Amino acid sequence: MDEIYFAASIRGGRDDVALYSELIKHLGKYGKVLTEHLEIIKFQLVEKII
């Protein structure tokens, strides 16, 4: 199985959290997304701000 590294902006990408989540799910079809925990962290940051 391939390993995939996903990188995105945490601070500047708050409006794109849903998109990041969808991208990580899609990439997961092609291999193990090593950084999927970043999507969870981003979501938690957005929840705290709202």
Protein backbone atom coordinates (compact mmCIF):
# COMPACT_ATOMS: atom_id res chain seq x y z
CA MET A 1 0.00 0.00 0.00
CA ASP A 2 1.31 3.46 -0.89
CA GLU A 3 1.91 6.07 1.78
CA ILE A 4 0.52 9.53 1.11
CA TYR A 5 1.57 12.74 2.84
CA PHE A 6 -1.18 15.38 2.89
CA ALA A 7 -0.19 18.97 3.68
CA ALA A 8 -2.41 22.02 3.96
CA SER A 9 -2.63 25.34 5.75
CA ILE A 10 -3.92 25.08 9.31
CA ARG A 11 -4.33 28.79 10.05
CA GLY A 12 -5.18 30.11 6.59
CA GLY A 13 -7.27 27.14 5.53
CA ARG A 14 -10.03 27.27 8.11
CA ASP A 15 -12.66 27.81 5.44
CA ASP A 16 -11.47 24.68 3.64
CA VAL A 17 -11.77 22.14 6.48
CA ALA A 18 -14.63 20.29 4.77
CA LEU A 19 -12.64 20.18 1.53
CA TYR A 20 -9.56 18.85 3.35
CA SER A 21 -11.69 16.11 4.89
CA GLU A 22 -13.05 15.07 1.49
CA LEU A 23 -9.58 15.12 -0.05
CA ILE A 24 -8.18 12.91 2.71
CA LYS A 25 -11.05 10.44 2.29
CA HIS A 26 -10.47 10.36 -1.48
CA LEU A 27 -6.70 9.96 -1.12
CA GLY A 28 -7.30 7.12 1.33
CA LYS A 29 -8.63 5.07 -1.58
CA TYR A 30 -5.13 5.10 -3.09
CA GLY A 31 -3.02 4.48 0.00
CA LYS A 32 -2.45 5.22 3.67
CA VAL A 33 -2.73 8.95 4.39
CA LEU A 34 0.03 9.44 6.94
CA THR A 35 -1.11 12.91 7.97
CA GLU A 36 -4.87 12.40 8.27
CA HIS A 37 -4.58 13.48 11.91
CA LEU A 38 -4.00 17.03 10.63
CA GLU A 39 -7.56 17.15 9.34
CA ILE A 40 -8.83 16.31 12.83
CA ILE A 41 -6.66 19.04 14.38
CA LYS A 42 -7.95 21.57 11.85
CA PHE A 43 -11.52 20.64 12.61
CA GLN A 44 -10.94 21.06 16.35
CA LEU A 45 -9.36 24.47 15.77
CA VAL A 46 -12.35 25.63 13.78
CA GLU A 47 -14.77 24.38 16.45
CA LYS A 48 -12.91 26.38 19.10
CA ILE A 49 -13.05 29.54 17.00
CA ILE A 50 -16.77 29.21 16.31
